[in-house]
């Protein structure tokens, strides 16, 4: 390796793109459909913006009648950070209980309560007792970087959802088609949670997974709370495995409800 090559490699590793390549490898090894550096329309700016990745997984098929398809669609921002990300959290019940605002259920043949118990038990983030409400990059005054990644992933998710609602594609008149749209932020770096314990003491813990309650509104986006999932790069494989388990359990429940 030449001296120039070494310098180029060192400089390249400081960027975020190697983290994107590693993330893509993890998705593909788990047989997720992965598209890097895709674009969506930002309704606030009325122009195209880039999202680091779009990925989806489907459980189901057409061989068994009636057909059942359960999908997870992820809009992914991937960030490398030498400095720790710090998310300040509060107890979930205090300001937001449960739920995903971006669930698309094609109700042509969907059970009325297809998700009962599935999210609570199997979704990687549903058992977390607290939700993020503000954030900062440690050892700096930077509050924009993390929040910006949450906004981008949420807007990309909403655009994906909007396009699906517009087309209303279903497999057949008898199929059940359940699609979940979720924002995901992957951080290649240390992630910390700060919260107040029952003794009114500030606790700081290094974690691999958090859920952030993003409250957002603008003239072009309806005021709502969007659940943004935050996972470290080293935990991404486990997160995807749990997501797949949730899809399989949802498929099994729908199948039993529909008598297949």
Protein backbone atom coordinates (compact mmCIF):
# COMPACT_ATOMS: atom_id res chain seq x y z
CA UNK A 1 0.00 0.00 0.00
CA UNK A 2 1.44 3.34 -1.04
CA UNK A 3 1.66 6.29 1.31
CA UNK A 4 -1.01 8.12 -0.69
CA UNK A 5 -3.30 5.07 -0.53
CA UNK A 6 -2.89 4.95 3.24
CA UNK A 7 -3.79 8.62 3.54
CA UNK A 8 -6.85 8.19 1.32
CA UNK A 9 -7.98 5.16 3.32
CA UNK A 10 -7.53 6.98 6.64
CA UNK A 11 -9.51 9.93 5.37
CA UNK A 12 -12.25 7.72 3.92
CA UNK A 13 -12.69 5.89 7.20
CA UNK A 14 -13.45 9.22 8.89
CA UNK A 15 -16.53 9.64 6.68
CA UNK A 16 -19.86 7.98 7.28
CA UNK A 17 -19.91 5.90 4.11
CA UNK A 18 -18.00 2.88 5.50
CA UNK A 19 -20.75 2.66 8.16
CA UNK A 20 -23.32 2.57 5.37
CA UNK A 21 -21.44 -0.27 3.67
CA UNK A 22 -21.32 -2.30 6.89
CA UNK A 23 -25.02 -1.67 7.48
CA UNK A 24 -25.86 -2.79 3.96
CA UNK A 25 -23.88 -5.98 4.50
CA UNK A 26 -25.86 -6.76 7.66
CA UNK A 27 -29.19 -6.19 5.91
CA UNK A 28 -28.23 -8.32 2.92
CA UNK A 29 -26.89 -11.19 5.02
CA UNK A 30 -30.33 -11.37 6.63
CA UNK A 31 -31.94 -11.35 3.17
CA UNK A 32 -33.55 -7.95 3.47
CA UNK A 33 -34.18 -6.00 0.28
CA UNK A 34 -31.86 -3.00 0.56
CA UNK A 35 -31.56 0.16 -1.56
CA UNK A 36 -28.88 2.68 -0.65
CA UNK A 37 -28.98 6.45 -1.11
CA UNK A 38 -32.57 6.75 -2.25
CA UNK A 39 -34.60 9.93 -2.62
CA UNK A 40 -37.92 11.15 -1.30
CA UNK A 41 -39.89 14.37 -1.65
CA UNK A 42 -39.64 16.65 1.37
CA UNK A 43 -43.06 18.29 1.51
CA UNK A 44 -41.71 21.21 3.56
CA UNK A 45 -38.98 22.07 1.08
CA UNK A 46 -40.82 20.82 -2.01
CA UNK A 47 -37.71 19.12 -3.32
CA UNK A 48 -35.99 15.76 -3.37
CA UNK A 49 -33.87 14.75 -0.41
CA UNK A 50 -31.61 11.77 0.09
CA UNK A 51 -32.13 9.08 2.69
CA UNK A 52 -29.21 6.75 3.39
CA UNK A 53 -31.22 3.58 2.77
CA UNK A 54 -34.61 2.00 2.28
CA UNK A 55 -35.03 -1.60 3.32
CA UNK A 56 -37.90 -4.04 3.59
CA UNK A 57 -38.68 -7.59 4.63
CA UNK A 58 -41.75 -9.66 3.80
CA UNK A 59 -43.09 -12.77 5.50
CA UNK A 60 -45.80 -14.69 3.65
CA UNK A 61 -46.63 -15.85 0.18
CA UNK A 62 -49.24 -16.93 -2.30
CA UNK A 63 -49.00 -20.71 -2.08
CA UNK A 64 -51.40 -20.97 0.87
CA UNK A 65 -54.91 -19.64 0.42
CA UNK A 66 -56.05 -17.08 1.38
CA UNK A 67 -52.81 -15.17 0.79
CA UNK A 68 -51.19 -13.32 3.70
CA UNK A 69 -48.36 -10.81 3.36
CA UNK A 70 -46.72 -9.03 6.30
CA UNK A 71 -44.16 -6.36 5.49
CA UNK A 72 -41.83 -4.04 7.38
CA UNK A 73 -40.61 -1.01 5.42
CA UNK A 74 -37.71 0.87 6.99
CA UNK A 75 -36.45 4.34 6.09
CA UNK A 76 -32.90 4.35 7.43
CA UNK A 77 -30.48 7.08 8.34
CA UNK A 78 -26.95 5.81 9.12
CA UNK A 79 -24.64 8.05 11.11
CA UNK A 80 -21.04 7.65 12.24
CA UNK A 81 -20.14 9.48 15.43
CA UNK A 82 -16.92 9.47 17.44
CA UNK A 83 -18.61 11.48 20.17
CA UNK A 84 -21.41 9.70 22.06
CA UNK A 85 -25.04 10.32 21.21
CA UNK A 86 -27.07 11.15 24.31
CA UNK A 87 -30.84 10.66 24.38
CA UNK A 88 -32.83 12.02 27.32
CA UNK A 89 -35.84 9.84 28.06
CA UNK A 90 -39.01 9.84 30.15
CA UNK A 91 -41.31 7.05 31.23
CA UNK A 92 -43.38 5.91 28.28
CA UNK A 93 -46.75 6.26 29.99
CA UNK A 94 -46.17 9.87 30.97
CA UNK A 95 -46.62 11.36 27.53
CA UNK A 96 -47.10 8.57 25.02
CA UNK A 97 -48.24 5.04 25.66
CA UNK A 98 -47.82 2.82 22.63
CA UNK A 99 -48.38 2.78 18.96
CA UNK A 100 -47.01 3.47 15.54
CA UNK A 101 -48.49 6.31 13.57
CA UNK A 102 -47.25 4.81 10.30
CA UNK A 103 -49.09 1.52 9.93
CA UNK A 104 -50.75 0.74 6.66
CA UNK A 105 -53.36 -1.99 6.84
CA UNK A 106 -55.08 -2.97 3.62
CA UNK A 107 -58.41 -3.83 5.15
CA UNK A 108 -59.88 -5.75 2.24
CA UNK A 109 -59.52 -8.96 4.27
CA UNK A 110 -57.48 -7.92 7.28
CA UNK A 111 -58.61 -9.02 10.77
CA UNK A 112 -59.93 -6.08 12.73
CA UNK A 113 -57.40 -6.50 15.52
CA UNK A 114 -54.52 -8.09 13.64
CA UNK A 115 -51.83 -6.47 15.83
CA UNK A 116 -53.22 -7.29 19.29
CA UNK A 117 -50.32 -8.38 21.49
CA UNK A 118 -47.86 -8.73 18.63
CA UNK A 119 -46.15 -5.35 18.92
CA UNK A 120 -46.17 -5.46 22.71
CA UNK A 121 -44.45 -8.83 22.85
CA UNK A 122 -42.24 -9.03 19.79
CA UNK A 123 -41.30 -5.58 18.48
CA UNK A 124 -37.68 -4.78 19.47
CA UNK A 125 -38.68 -1.43 21.00
CA UNK A 126 -42.05 -2.10 22.58
CA UNK A 127 -40.73 -3.43 25.87
CA UNK A 128 -38.55 -0.37 26.43
CA UNK A 129 -39.89 1.43 29.52
CA UNK A 130 -38.92 4.91 28.36
CA UNK A 131 -39.11 7.08 25.24
CA UNK A 132 -36.63 9.69 24.06
CA UNK A 133 -37.76 13.30 24.10
CA UNK A 134 -34.61 15.34 23.43
CA UNK A 135 -31.00 14.68 22.46
CA UNK A 136 -27.50 16.04 22.05
CA UNK A 137 -24.05 14.98 20.90
CA UNK A 138 -21.90 14.66 24.02
CA UNK A 139 -19.07 17.14 24.70
CA UNK A 140 -20.54 19.66 22.28
CA UNK A 141 -23.45 22.04 21.92
CA UNK A 142 -24.73 20.07 18.94
CA UNK A 143 -28.44 19.35 19.24
CA UNK A 144 -29.14 19.53 15.50
CA UNK A 145 -27.31 16.47 14.14
CA UNK A 146 -29.33 13.81 15.95
CA UNK A 147 -32.64 15.64 15.60
CA UNK A 148 -31.99 16.14 11.89
CA UNK A 149 -31.51 12.41 11.38
CA UNK A 150 -34.81 11.76 13.17
CA UNK A 151 -36.62 14.27 10.96
CA UNK A 152 -35.13 12.83 7.75
CA UNK A 153 -36.02 9.24 8.56
CA UNK A 154 -39.53 10.22 9.66
CA UNK A 155 -40.21 12.30 6.54
CA UNK A 156 -38.93 9.53 4.27
CA UNK A 157 -41.20 7.10 6.09
CA UNK A 158 -44.19 9.38 5.67
CA UNK A 159 -43.50 9.78 1.97
CA UNK A 160 -43.26 6.02 1.51
CA UNK A 161 -46.53 5.64 3.38
CA UNK A 162 -48.16 8.43 1.34
CA UNK A 163 -47.20 6.80 -1.94
CA UNK A 164 -48.57 3.44 -0.80
CA UNK A 165 -51.86 5.01 0.25
CA UNK A 166 -52.08 6.70 -3.13
CA UNK A 167 -51.67 3.45 -5.08
CA UNK A 168 -53.46 1.12 -2.63
CA UNK A 169 -51.82 -1.94 -4.10
CA UNK A 170 -53.04 -5.32 -2.87
CA UNK A 171 -52.16 -8.83 -3.95
CA UNK A 172 -55.72 -9.99 -4.60
CA UNK A 173 -59.31 -9.41 -3.55
CA UNK A 174 -59.00 -12.13 -0.93
CA UNK A 175 -55.50 -11.42 0.39
CA UNK A 176 -54.47 -9.85 3.67
CA UNK A 177 -51.77 -7.23 3.14
CA UNK A 178 -50.23 -5.66 6.24
CA UNK A 179 -47.41 -3.15 5.81
CA UNK A 180 -45.63 -1.33 8.63
CA UNK A 181 -43.64 1.80 7.92
CA UNK A 182 -40.94 2.71 10.43
CA UNK A 183 -38.16 5.30 10.70
CA UNK A 184 -34.83 3.81 11.80
CA UNK A 185 -31.60 5.59 12.72
CA UNK A 186 -28.42 3.50 12.92
CA UNK A 187 -25.54 5.08 14.82
CA UNK A 188 -22.00 3.77 14.37
CA UNK A 189 -20.73 4.97 17.71
CA UNK A 190 -21.58 5.03 21.41
CA UNK A 191 -25.21 5.59 22.41
CA UNK A 192 -26.22 6.74 25.89
CA UNK A 193 -29.54 7.17 27.67
CA UNK A 194 -30.12 9.70 30.45
CA UNK A 195 -33.24 9.45 32.61
CA UNK A 196 -34.60 10.19 36.07
CA UNK A 197 -34.97 7.14 38.31
CA UNK A 198 -37.56 6.58 41.04
CA UNK A 199 -35.29 8.32 43.57
CA UNK A 200 -35.18 11.44 41.39
CA UNK A 201 -31.56 10.77 40.46
CA UNK A 202 -30.18 11.25 36.96
CA UNK A 203 -29.03 7.91 35.55
CA UNK A 204 -26.72 7.61 32.56
CA UNK A 205 -26.34 4.26 30.81
CA UNK A 206 -24.75 3.08 27.59
CA UNK A 207 -27.35 1.26 25.51
CA UNK A 208 -27.78 -0.29 22.08
CA UNK A 209 -31.45 0.45 21.42
CA UNK A 210 -33.82 3.33 22.09
CA UNK A 211 -37.12 4.64 20.82
CA UNK A 212 -37.61 8.35 20.32
CA UNK A 213 -40.98 10.09 20.31
CA UNK A 214 -40.64 12.69 17.59
CA UNK A 215 -43.30 15.38 17.89
CA UNK A 216 -43.45 17.16 14.56
CA UNK A 217 -45.74 19.51 12.73
CA UNK A 218 -45.49 21.92 9.83
CA UNK A 219 -47.83 23.46 7.25
CA UNK A 220 -47.26 20.37 5.13
CA UNK A 221 -47.16 17.66 7.79
CA UNK A 222 -49.99 16.98 10.18
CA UNK A 223 -49.08 17.35 13.84
CA UNK A 224 -48.33 13.91 15.17
CA UNK A 225 -45.94 11.79 17.20
CA UNK A 226 -43.72 9.51 15.16
CA UNK A 227 -41.82 6.67 16.77
CA UNK A 228 -38.19 6.71 15.58
CA UNK A 229 -36.17 3.65 16.49
CA UNK A 230 -32.46 4.19 17.24
CA UNK A 231 -30.02 1.28 17.19
CA UNK A 232 -26.24 1.00 17.31
CA UNK A 233 -24.51 -0.56 14.34
CA UNK A 234 -23.20 -3.44 16.44
CA UNK A 235 -26.78 -4.24 17.53
CA UNK A 236 -28.36 -3.95 14.07
CA UNK A 237 -28.28 -7.67 13.28
CA UNK A 238 -30.14 -8.54 16.50
CA UNK A 239 -32.66 -5.74 15.88
CA UNK A 240 -33.45 -7.10 12.41
CA UNK A 241 -33.78 -10.64 13.76
CA UNK A 242 -36.33 -9.45 16.33
CA UNK A 243 -38.19 -7.55 13.64
CA UNK A 244 -38.37 -10.72 11.53
CA UNK A 245 -39.71 -12.63 14.52
CA UNK A 246 -42.43 -10.04 14.95
CA UNK A 247 -43.43 -10.37 11.27
CA UNK A 248 -43.59 -14.15 11.57
CA UNK A 249 -45.71 -13.99 14.71
CA UNK A 250 -48.04 -11.50 13.07
CA UNK A 251 -48.36 -13.76 10.04
CA UNK A 252 -49.11 -16.75 12.27
CA UNK A 253 -51.78 -14.85 14.17
CA UNK A 254 -53.49 -13.65 11.01
CA UNK A 255 -53.34 -17.16 9.59
CA UNK A 256 -55.03 -18.59 12.68
CA UNK A 257 -57.65 -15.83 12.61
CA UNK A 258 -58.39 -16.48 8.96
CA UNK A 259 -58.41 -20.24 9.38
CA UNK A 260 -55.44 -21.04 7.10
